[in-house]
Amino acid sequence: MIRFSLRIPADLHERVTARATADRRSLNSEILHLLETALAAPRADAGSPGGDPVSPAPLHGKPDSSPA
């Protein structure tokens, strides 16, 4: 398993923490569950050639300028 740091807005952290509590999961397990569910779902533009991809949510804060 890979370990890395993740910075998220405080309001998103609160929402995910509340969901983890409701689902009786740790915060880490809830994030993994949400990612697996999102990546397993069929994309809205999968069947339409040249279709616009679903717009991502807007980013909060400044983009990270540190090297990956």
C-alpha atoms as a PDB file:
ATOM      1  CA  MET A   1       0.000   0.000   0.000  1.00  0.00           C
ATOM      2  CA  ILE A   2       1.256   3.485  -0.835  1.00  0.00           C
ATOM      3  CA  ARG A   3       1.229   6.255   1.752  1.00  0.00           C
ATOM      4  CA  PHE A   4       0.962   9.909   0.706  1.00  0.00           C
ATOM      5  CA  SER A   5      -0.238  13.247   2.042  1.00  0.00           C
ATOM      6  CA  LEU A   6      -3.412  14.820   0.757  1.00  0.00           C
ATOM      7  CA  ARG A   7      -4.573  18.391   1.288  1.00  0.00           C
ATOM      8  CA  ILE A   8      -8.314  18.977   1.060  1.00  0.00           C
ATOM      9  CA  PRO A   9     -10.529  21.921   1.970  1.00  0.00           C
ATOM     10  CA  ALA A  10     -11.871  21.917   5.534  1.00  0.00           C
ATOM     11  CA  ASP A  11     -15.500  21.689   4.384  1.00  0.00           C
ATOM     12  CA  LEU A  12     -14.774  18.585   2.292  1.00  0.00           C
ATOM     13  CA  HIS A  13     -12.919  16.999   5.215  1.00  0.00           C
ATOM     14  CA  GLU A  14     -15.955  17.590   7.437  1.00  0.00           C
ATOM     15  CA  ARG A  15     -18.284  16.011   4.858  1.00  0.00           C
ATOM     16  CA  VAL A  16     -16.119  12.917   4.379  1.00  0.00           C
ATOM     17  CA  THR A  17     -15.593  12.548   8.137  1.00  0.00           C
ATOM     18  CA  ALA A  18     -19.358  12.721   8.740  1.00  0.00           C
ATOM     19  CA  ARG A  19     -19.959  10.134   6.045  1.00  0.00           C
ATOM     20  CA  ALA A  20     -17.289   7.841   7.483  1.00  0.00           C
ATOM     21  CA  THR A  21     -18.922   8.084  10.904  1.00  0.00           C
ATOM     22  CA  ALA A  22     -22.368   7.346   9.438  1.00  0.00           C
ATOM     23  CA  ASP A  23     -20.967   4.352   7.522  1.00  0.00           C
ATOM     24  CA  ARG A  24     -19.003   3.158  10.581  1.00  0.00           C
ATOM     25  CA  ARG A  25     -15.686   3.303   8.709  1.00  0.00           C
ATOM     26  CA  SER A  26     -12.377   4.988   9.375  1.00  0.00           C
ATOM     27  CA  LEU A  27     -11.670   8.132   7.376  1.00  0.00           C
ATOM     28  CA  ASN A  28      -9.086   6.230   5.320  1.00  0.00           C
ATOM     29  CA  SER A  29     -11.513   3.381   4.573  1.00  0.00           C
ATOM     30  CA  GLU A  30     -14.237   5.853   3.587  1.00  0.00           C
ATOM     31  CA  ILE A  31     -11.944   7.673   1.161  1.00  0.00           C
ATOM     32  CA  LEU A  32     -10.890   4.342  -0.381  1.00  0.00           C
ATOM     33  CA  HIS A  33     -14.537   3.289  -0.691  1.00  0.00           C
ATOM     34  CA  LEU A  34     -15.525   6.583  -2.346  1.00  0.00           C
ATOM     35  CA  LEU A  35     -12.613   6.394  -4.798  1.00  0.00           C
ATOM     36  CA  GLU A  36     -13.330   2.766  -5.713  1.00  0.00           C
ATOM     37  CA  THR A  37     -17.036   3.539  -6.195  1.00  0.00           C
ATOM     38  CA  ALA A  38     -16.316   6.605  -8.328  1.00  0.00           C
ATOM     39  CA  LEU A  39     -13.793   4.790 -10.509  1.00  0.00           C
ATOM     40  CA  ALA A  40     -16.045   1.759 -10.985  1.00  0.00           C
ATOM     41  CA  ALA A  41     -19.043   3.848 -12.112  1.00  0.00           C
ATOM     42  CA  PRO A  42     -19.556   4.103 -15.870  1.00  0.00           C
ATOM     43  CA  ARG A  43     -18.693   7.526 -17.247  1.00  0.00           C
ATOM     44  CA  ALA A  44     -21.497   9.676 -18.605  1.00  0.00           C
ATOM     45  CA  ASP A  45     -19.611  10.265 -21.893  1.00  0.00           C
ATOM     46  CA  ALA A  46     -18.551   6.634 -22.427  1.00  0.00           C
ATOM     47  CA  GLY A  47     -20.914   5.956 -25.347  1.00  0.00           C
ATOM     48  CA  SER A  48     -20.730   9.252 -27.186  1.00  0.00           C
ATOM     49  CA  PRO A  49     -17.748   9.787 -29.482  1.00  0.00           C
ATOM     50  CA  GLY A  50     -16.388  13.291 -29.101  1.00  0.00           C
ATOM     51  CA  GLY A  51     -18.676  13.939 -26.150  1.00  0.00           C
ATOM     52  CA  ASP A  52     -17.657  16.401 -23.525  1.00  0.00           C
ATOM     53  CA  PRO A  53     -16.304  14.758 -20.396  1.00  0.00           C
ATOM     54  CA  VAL A  54     -18.079  15.459 -17.156  1.00  0.00           C
ATOM     55  CA  SER A  55     -16.791  18.735 -15.729  1.00  0.00           C
ATOM     56  CA  PRO A  56     -14.670  18.228 -12.650  1.00  0.00           C
ATOM     57  CA  ALA A  57     -15.457  20.099  -9.453  1.00  0.00           C
ATOM     58  CA  PRO A  58     -13.632  23.428  -9.155  1.00  0.00           C
ATOM     59  CA  LEU A  59     -10.348  23.399  -7.308  1.00  0.00           C
ATOM     60  CA  HIS A  60     -10.009  25.242  -4.026  1.00  0.00           C
ATOM     61  CA  GLY A  61      -6.885  27.186  -3.154  1.00  0.00           C
ATOM     62  CA  LYS A  62      -3.687  27.493  -5.107  1.00  0.00           C
ATOM     63  CA  PRO A  63      -2.407  24.612  -7.246  1.00  0.00           C
ATOM     64  CA  ASP A  64       0.562  22.781  -5.804  1.00  0.00           C
ATOM     65  CA  SER A  65       3.742  23.978  -7.451  1.00  0.00           C
ATOM     66  CA  SER A  66       6.027  21.414  -5.832  1.00  0.00           C
ATOM     67  CA  PRO A  67       7.484  18.685  -8.062  1.00  0.00           C
ATOM     68  CA  ALA A  68       5.707  15.335  -7.982  1.00  0.00           C
END
